């Protein structure tokens, strides 16, 4: 099956689909730093720049992937929605889909799009696909359930004119895993740049990697390890935490004058193991399992899982970790490239945490204070 990737970023979808045996022939990405990565990592693919310059999809395209811009849809963005200055470019994607009626489309985007403006973006998305005659299904998936110690919940959406998308997203399910106890015996990841309203506390992992500032200032989460160290991962460690080989984004360094482009690229990326599971299920569909349904008329926004195949729209109760992956510890990703959080950054975080009055595990604040250089 031939894949065309729109808004390809650093090629997370394309890498995953290639590993699953698909042929990735065409990639579209406007960011010069990301384009440099694509041209290096996918030397046999044709790489296009601005999607607005793409007139038609290749007639050979049987599957389209797209991680369209999320800046107007994410909790950290401006929340202007699907018609915002960045995310609104998805309209061009639909022009290309309508022109080609490509058999299958796979989309990844932020979880917050289900809630923003009562799910207006998702309503717009599914309405467009239904108007074009596509069946669709989506499910929120967490990278933490695919062997990566990063809590990263994203919407994976499949629309198709040929296959039942439920045989991809709803052919697997695992019992809800039991939550790890929040104490100092395990590493605790957190956003050290926050502290007043929330810190993204994650047991034995990190909260979702972010893009960082527009000035290229890296701000990866920090981790308090049981040995008392408070460390932040390097960009190479973050590449691994998204499922890429170390150094995957190094071609970006020489492509632009922008400071630290690699951090932004990794923060925006698709987690490869999650996308690979989707790709492998498209290649080998399974039987649709019996999932509980959400009673109609009971929701305020879009649920974590839903479909429209045959009998109309249905809201589904499904976990965000559908397959049995061995849980990875953040300790396995710690190496000499990690950096100690500076005394200034740690002091600022502690002050904000105290001012915010947030509940944290017993001993957490004291351990942070003890980690400050004397």
Protein backbone atom coordinates (compact mmCIF):
# COMPACT_ATOMS: atom_id res chain seq x y z
CA UNK A 1 0.00 0.00 0.00
CA UNK A 2 1.33 3.41 -0.96
CA UNK A 3 1.31 6.11 1.73
CA UNK A 4 1.26 9.89 1.33
CA UNK A 5 1.96 11.86 4.48
CA UNK A 6 0.59 15.37 5.03
CA UNK A 7 1.95 17.59 7.83
CA UNK A 8 4.62 14.91 8.20
CA UNK A 9 6.75 16.59 10.88
CA UNK A 10 9.78 14.39 11.47
CA UNK A 11 8.08 11.36 9.92
CA UNK A 12 6.60 9.50 12.89
CA UNK A 13 3.66 8.15 10.92
CA UNK A 14 5.84 7.39 7.93
CA UNK A 15 8.51 5.61 9.97
CA UNK A 16 5.85 3.51 11.72
CA UNK A 17 4.09 2.60 8.46
CA UNK A 18 7.39 1.80 6.74
CA UNK A 19 8.32 -0.54 9.60
CA UNK A 20 4.93 -2.21 9.14
CA UNK A 21 5.71 -2.84 5.45
CA UNK A 22 4.01 0.11 3.73
CA UNK A 23 5.58 2.14 0.92
CA UNK A 24 5.91 5.81 1.88
CA UNK A 25 6.29 7.62 -1.44
CA UNK A 26 5.28 11.25 -0.79
CA UNK A 27 5.71 13.53 2.23
CA UNK A 28 4.45 17.09 2.69
CA UNK A 29 5.95 19.38 5.34
CA UNK A 30 6.48 23.14 5.33
CA UNK A 31 8.89 23.44 8.28
CA UNK A 32 12.46 23.58 6.90
CA UNK A 33 13.94 21.90 9.98
CA UNK A 34 11.48 19.02 9.75
CA UNK A 35 11.95 18.83 5.97
CA UNK A 36 15.70 18.38 6.48
CA UNK A 37 14.97 15.40 8.72
CA UNK A 38 12.55 13.89 6.20
CA UNK A 39 14.92 14.21 3.27
CA UNK A 40 17.67 12.50 5.26
CA UNK A 41 15.58 9.73 6.82
CA UNK A 42 13.39 9.01 3.76
CA UNK A 43 15.81 9.44 0.84
CA UNK A 44 13.59 7.53 -1.59
CA UNK A 45 10.46 9.57 -0.91
CA UNK A 46 9.43 12.75 -2.69
CA UNK A 47 9.25 15.61 -0.17
CA UNK A 48 7.02 18.60 -0.86
CA UNK A 49 6.93 21.89 1.06
CA UNK A 50 3.78 23.94 1.47
CA UNK A 51 0.59 21.87 1.27
CA UNK A 52 -1.06 24.83 -0.47
CA UNK A 53 1.17 24.12 -3.48
CA UNK A 54 0.01 20.49 -3.72
CA UNK A 55 -2.63 20.25 -6.46
CA UNK A 56 -3.43 16.55 -6.33
CA UNK A 57 -2.50 13.44 -4.37
CA UNK A 58 -0.64 10.79 -6.32
CA UNK A 59 -3.07 8.41 -8.00
CA UNK A 60 -1.13 5.57 -6.38
CA UNK A 61 -1.98 6.77 -2.87
CA UNK A 62 -4.02 4.18 -1.04
CA UNK A 63 -3.52 5.61 2.44
CA UNK A 64 -3.15 9.20 3.65
CA UNK A 65 -1.62 10.09 7.03
CA UNK A 66 -1.93 13.51 8.62
CA UNK A 67 -0.92 15.03 11.95
CA UNK A 68 -2.38 18.43 11.11
CA UNK A 69 -1.31 21.47 13.17
CA UNK A 70 -2.65 21.44 16.72
CA UNK A 71 -1.65 24.94 17.89
CA UNK A 72 -5.26 26.17 17.91
CA UNK A 73 -6.62 22.96 19.42
CA UNK A 74 -4.28 22.14 22.30
CA UNK A 75 -4.63 23.13 25.93
CA UNK A 76 -1.34 25.01 25.63
CA UNK A 77 -2.40 26.84 22.45
CA UNK A 78 -4.68 29.81 21.83
CA UNK A 79 -7.82 27.60 21.72
CA UNK A 80 -9.26 29.34 18.64
CA UNK A 81 -10.22 25.93 17.29
CA UNK A 82 -10.29 24.18 13.93
CA UNK A 83 -10.65 27.46 12.03
CA UNK A 84 -7.60 29.04 13.69
CA UNK A 85 -4.68 30.41 11.73
CA UNK A 86 -2.64 27.20 12.08
CA UNK A 87 -5.16 24.35 12.44
CA UNK A 88 -7.39 25.85 9.73
CA UNK A 89 -5.02 24.51 7.09
CA UNK A 90 -6.85 21.19 7.53
CA UNK A 91 -9.34 22.61 5.01
CA UNK A 92 -6.73 22.10 2.29
CA UNK A 93 -6.38 18.49 3.38
CA UNK A 94 -10.08 17.97 2.69
CA UNK A 95 -9.77 19.55 -0.75
CA UNK A 96 -7.16 16.92 -1.60
CA UNK A 97 -9.25 14.13 -0.11
CA UNK A 98 -12.37 15.21 -1.98
CA UNK A 99 -10.42 15.40 -5.24
CA UNK A 100 -8.87 11.94 -4.91
CA UNK A 101 -11.27 10.08 -2.59
CA UNK A 102 -8.22 8.31 -1.20
CA UNK A 103 -9.37 4.96 0.26
CA UNK A 104 -8.17 5.43 3.87
CA UNK A 105 -7.11 8.39 6.01
CA UNK A 106 -5.30 8.19 9.36
CA UNK A 107 -5.12 11.29 11.57
CA UNK A 108 -3.43 12.00 14.91
CA UNK A 109 -4.10 15.06 17.05
CA UNK A 110 -4.36 16.34 20.60
CA UNK A 111 -6.85 14.96 23.09
CA UNK A 112 -8.12 18.44 23.99
CA UNK A 113 -9.80 18.74 20.59
CA UNK A 114 -12.55 16.48 21.95
CA UNK A 115 -13.38 19.01 24.65
CA UNK A 116 -12.55 22.44 23.22
CA UNK A 117 -15.74 24.38 22.47
CA UNK A 118 -17.78 21.26 23.32
CA UNK A 119 -15.89 19.27 20.70
CA UNK A 120 -16.62 21.61 17.81
CA UNK A 121 -13.43 20.61 15.97
CA UNK A 122 -14.29 16.91 16.12
CA UNK A 123 -17.85 17.61 14.98
CA UNK A 124 -16.52 19.52 11.99
CA UNK A 125 -14.07 16.73 11.17
CA UNK A 126 -16.57 13.87 11.25
CA UNK A 127 -19.20 15.87 9.37
CA UNK A 128 -16.77 16.45 6.52
CA UNK A 129 -15.86 12.78 6.28
CA UNK A 130 -19.49 11.70 6.42
CA UNK A 131 -20.36 14.12 3.63
CA UNK A 132 -17.66 12.45 1.50
CA UNK A 133 -18.99 8.95 2.19
CA UNK A 134 -16.35 7.75 4.66
CA UNK A 135 -16.89 5.43 7.62
CA UNK A 136 -14.89 6.57 10.63
CA UNK A 137 -13.71 5.53 14.05
CA UNK A 138 -11.40 7.10 16.59
CA UNK A 139 -9.85 6.18 19.90
CA UNK A 140 -7.69 8.03 22.42
CA UNK A 141 -4.40 6.16 22.83
CA UNK A 142 -1.69 6.76 25.44
CA UNK A 143 1.97 6.35 24.50
CA UNK A 144 2.54 4.96 28.00
CA UNK A 145 0.67 1.83 26.97
CA UNK A 146 3.04 1.18 24.08
CA UNK A 147 6.35 0.77 25.90
CA UNK A 148 7.21 4.46 26.33
CA UNK A 149 7.31 6.03 29.83
CA UNK A 150 5.61 9.19 28.59
CA UNK A 151 1.98 9.96 29.45
CA UNK A 152 0.87 11.21 26.05
CA UNK A 153 -2.83 10.79 25.19
CA UNK A 154 -3.69 11.51 21.56
CA UNK A 155 -6.69 11.02 19.29
CA UNK A 156 -6.11 8.47 16.52
CA UNK A 157 -8.80 8.82 13.86
CA UNK A 158 -9.35 6.54 10.86
CA UNK A 159 -11.75 7.28 8.00
CA UNK A 160 -12.15 4.81 5.14
CA UNK A 161 -14.22 4.06 2.07
CA UNK A 162 -12.94 0.48 1.89
CA UNK A 163 -12.24 -1.01 5.32
CA UNK A 164 -14.18 -1.03 8.57
CA UNK A 165 -12.04 1.27 10.76
CA UNK A 166 -13.27 -0.54 13.86
CA UNK A 167 -11.25 -3.60 12.77
CA UNK A 168 -8.17 -1.45 13.31
CA UNK A 169 -8.89 0.53 16.47
CA UNK A 170 -11.33 -1.77 18.23
CA UNK A 171 -9.95 -5.26 17.64
CA UNK A 172 -7.80 -5.10 20.79
CA UNK A 173 -8.47 -4.34 24.43
CA UNK A 174 -6.76 -4.85 27.78
CA UNK A 175 -8.15 -4.57 31.30
CA UNK A 176 -7.48 -1.20 32.92
CA UNK A 177 -4.02 -1.36 34.41
CA UNK A 178 -3.55 -0.68 38.02
CA UNK A 179 -2.21 2.74 38.90
CA UNK A 180 1.26 2.96 40.40
CA UNK A 181 1.41 4.35 43.91
CA UNK A 182 2.49 7.99 44.09
CA UNK A 183 5.45 7.93 46.47
CA UNK A 184 9.19 8.56 46.46
CA UNK A 185 10.06 4.90 45.90
CA UNK A 186 9.44 5.44 42.18
CA UNK A 187 10.60 8.27 39.88
CA UNK A 188 8.15 11.18 39.69
CA UNK A 189 8.03 13.26 36.51
CA UNK A 190 6.68 16.81 36.53
CA UNK A 191 6.62 20.13 34.66
CA UNK A 192 9.18 22.26 36.47
CA UNK A 193 8.06 25.36 34.50
CA UNK A 194 4.64 25.25 36.18
CA UNK A 195 3.51 24.78 39.77
CA UNK A 196 0.58 27.09 40.48
CA UNK A 197 -2.30 25.25 38.85
CA UNK A 198 -0.83 21.85 37.95
CA UNK A 199 2.47 20.05 37.44
CA UNK A 200 1.54 17.02 35.32
CA UNK A 201 2.81 14.63 37.98
CA UNK A 202 3.55 11.25 36.39
CA UNK A 203 4.67 8.15 38.27
CA UNK A 204 7.71 6.41 36.72
CA UNK A 205 7.50 8.49 33.58
CA UNK A 206 7.17 12.01 32.27
CA UNK A 207 4.14 14.12 31.37
CA UNK A 208 3.69 14.84 27.65
CA UNK A 209 6.69 16.37 25.90
CA UNK A 210 5.92 19.91 24.78
CA UNK A 211 7.23 22.06 21.97
CA UNK A 212 8.99 24.54 24.27
CA UNK A 213 9.07 28.28 23.79
CA UNK A 214 8.94 30.10 20.48
CA UNK A 215 12.49 31.27 21.19
CA UNK A 216 13.79 27.72 21.05
CA UNK A 217 14.31 27.48 24.81
CA UNK A 218 14.09 23.83 25.77
CA UNK A 219 11.77 23.00 28.67
CA UNK A 220 11.48 19.21 28.95
CA UNK A 221 9.85 17.84 32.10
CA UNK A 222 11.98 17.03 35.12
CA UNK A 223 12.13 13.78 37.07
CA UNK A 224 12.74 13.33 40.79
CA UNK A 225 14.51 9.97 41.01
CA UNK A 226 14.56 7.79 44.15
CA UNK A 227 18.27 8.60 44.60
CA UNK A 228 17.31 12.25 45.20
CA UNK A 229 18.51 13.61 41.86
CA UNK A 230 16.24 16.01 39.95
CA UNK A 231 17.15 15.67 36.28
CA UNK A 232 15.84 16.74 32.87
CA UNK A 233 16.23 14.54 29.77
CA UNK A 234 18.40 15.53 26.84
CA UNK A 235 16.91 15.92 23.38
CA UNK A 236 18.41 12.53 22.51
CA UNK A 237 16.59 10.94 25.46
CA UNK A 238 13.40 12.66 24.31
CA UNK A 239 13.83 11.18 20.83
CA UNK A 240 13.86 7.75 22.49
CA UNK A 241 10.83 8.73 24.60
CA UNK A 242 8.94 9.28 21.33
CA UNK A 243 10.16 5.98 19.85
CA UNK A 244 12.90 7.29 17.51
CA UNK A 245 16.56 6.34 17.32
CA UNK A 246 18.98 8.66 19.05
CA UNK A 247 20.02 11.38 16.62
CA UNK A 248 16.92 11.07 14.40
CA UNK A 249 16.47 14.87 14.34
CA UNK A 250 20.13 15.91 13.99
CA UNK A 251 19.70 16.95 10.32
CA UNK A 252 17.56 19.84 11.61
CA UNK A 253 20.54 21.54 13.27
CA UNK A 254 22.05 22.72 9.97
CA UNK A 255 18.78 23.51 8.25
CA UNK A 256 17.73 26.72 9.98
CA UNK A 257 18.99 29.61 12.04
CA UNK A 258 16.28 28.88 14.61
CA UNK A 259 17.64 28.09 18.04
CA UNK A 260 17.33 24.46 19.18
CA UNK A 261 14.91 23.30 16.45
CA UNK A 262 15.16 19.68 17.55
CA UNK A 263 13.23 20.28 20.78
CA UNK A 264 10.28 21.71 18.88
CA UNK A 265 10.30 18.85 16.38
CA UNK A 266 10.39 16.16 19.05
CA UNK A 267 7.65 17.87 21.07
CA UNK A 268 5.37 17.92 18.01
CA UNK A 269 6.11 14.35 16.92
CA UNK A 270 3.88 11.29 16.64
CA UNK A 271 4.92 8.49 19.01
CA UNK A 272 6.20 5.78 16.69
CA UNK A 273 5.11 2.62 18.58
CA UNK A 274 1.51 3.85 18.77
CA UNK A 275 1.37 4.65 15.05
CA UNK A 276 3.01 1.30 14.28
CA UNK A 277 0.27 -0.57 16.11
CA UNK A 278 -2.29 1.29 13.99
CA UNK A 279 -0.35 0.49 10.80
CA UNK A 280 -0.04 -3.19 11.62
CA UNK A 281 -3.75 -3.44 12.37
CA UNK A 282 -4.58 -1.79 9.03
CA UNK A 283 -2.43 -4.42 7.37
CA UNK A 284 -3.98 -7.24 9.43
CA UNK A 285 -7.46 -6.19 10.60
CA UNK A 286 -8.98 -8.02 13.56
CA UNK A 287 -12.46 -8.86 14.74
CA UNK A 288 -14.38 -6.01 16.36
CA UNK A 289 -14.67 -6.71 20.07
CA UNK A 290 -17.78 -6.15 22.16
CA UNK A 291 -17.31 -2.73 23.77
CA UNK A 292 -19.76 -1.06 26.16
CA UNK A 293 -21.74 1.79 24.63
CA UNK A 294 -22.25 5.21 26.19
CA UNK A 295 -26.00 5.90 26.52
CA UNK A 296 -27.13 8.50 24.00
CA UNK A 297 -27.80 11.99 25.27
CA UNK A 298 -25.50 11.69 28.29
CA UNK A 299 -22.33 13.41 27.07
CA UNK A 300 -21.31 17.06 27.02
CA UNK A 301 -18.34 16.70 24.66
CA UNK A 302 -16.94 13.92 22.50
CA UNK A 303 -15.97 10.73 24.37
CA UNK A 304 -12.57 9.03 24.30
CA UNK A 305 -13.75 6.60 21.63
CA UNK A 306 -16.51 6.54 19.00
CA UNK A 307 -17.40 5.34 15.50
CA UNK A 308 -19.89 5.72 12.68
CA UNK A 309 -20.12 2.43 10.82
CA UNK A 310 -23.40 1.00 9.62
CA UNK A 311 -25.83 1.87 12.40
CA UNK A 312 -24.90 5.51 12.88
CA UNK A 313 -22.72 7.26 15.43
CA UNK A 314 -21.90 5.35 18.61
CA UNK A 315 -19.98 6.46 21.68
CA UNK A 316 -17.78 3.70 23.06
CA UNK A 317 -16.13 2.92 26.39
CA UNK A 318 -12.57 1.79 25.60
CA UNK A 319 -9.21 2.00 27.35
CA UNK A 320 -6.33 4.12 26.04
CA UNK A 321 -3.91 1.17 26.37
CA UNK A 322 -5.45 -1.56 24.19
CA UNK A 323 -2.48 -3.93 23.83
CA UNK A 324 -0.13 -5.74 26.19
CA UNK A 325 3.21 -3.94 26.10
CA UNK A 326 5.78 -4.48 28.81
CA UNK A 327 5.81 -1.36 30.96
CA UNK A 328 9.05 0.64 30.61
CA UNK A 329 10.54 2.60 33.48
CA UNK A 330 11.91 6.10 33.02
CA UNK A 331 15.03 4.74 34.75
CA UNK A 332 15.76 2.78 31.56
CA UNK A 333 15.94 6.07 29.63
CA UNK A 334 18.23 7.83 32.12
CA UNK A 335 21.83 8.16 31.01
CA UNK A 336 24.78 10.55 31.24
CA UNK A 337 23.15 12.98 28.78
CA UNK A 338 20.51 14.04 31.34
CA UNK A 339 21.11 17.34 33.17
CA UNK A 340 20.58 18.35 36.76
CA UNK A 341 17.80 20.93 37.09
CA UNK A 342 19.45 24.22 37.99
CA UNK A 343 19.20 25.65 41.49
CA UNK A 344 17.37 28.72 40.11
CA UNK A 345 14.80 26.61 38.21
CA UNK A 346 14.27 24.32 41.18
CA UNK A 347 13.85 27.23 43.60
CA UNK A 348 11.34 28.92 41.30
CA UNK A 349 9.33 25.72 40.96
CA UNK A 350 9.28 25.15 44.73
CA UNK A 351 8.07 28.72 45.31
CA UNK A 352 5.26 28.32 42.76
CA UNK A 353 4.31 24.93 44.16
CA UNK A 354 4.01 26.33 47.69
CA UNK A 355 2.04 29.36 46.45
CA UNK A 356 -0.30 27.14 44.44
CA UNK A 357 -1.05 24.87 47.39
CA UNK A 358 -1.15 21.79 45.17
CA UNK A 359 -1.33 18.32 46.67
CA UNK A 360 1.80 16.26 46.05
CA UNK A 361 3.05 12.90 47.33
CA UNK A 362 4.32 12.83 50.89
CA UNK A 363 7.93 13.98 51.05
CA UNK A 364 7.96 15.36 47.48
CA UNK A 365 8.53 18.99 48.44
CA UNK A 366 11.14 18.07 51.04
CA UNK A 367 13.00 15.91 48.49
CA UNK A 368 13.09 18.82 46.03
CA UNK A 369 14.50 21.12 48.71
CA UNK A 370 17.13 18.54 49.60
CA UNK A 371 18.16 18.31 45.94
CA UNK A 372 19.16 22.01 45.81
CA UNK A 373 22.94 22.47 45.94
CA UNK A 374 24.11 23.60 49.38
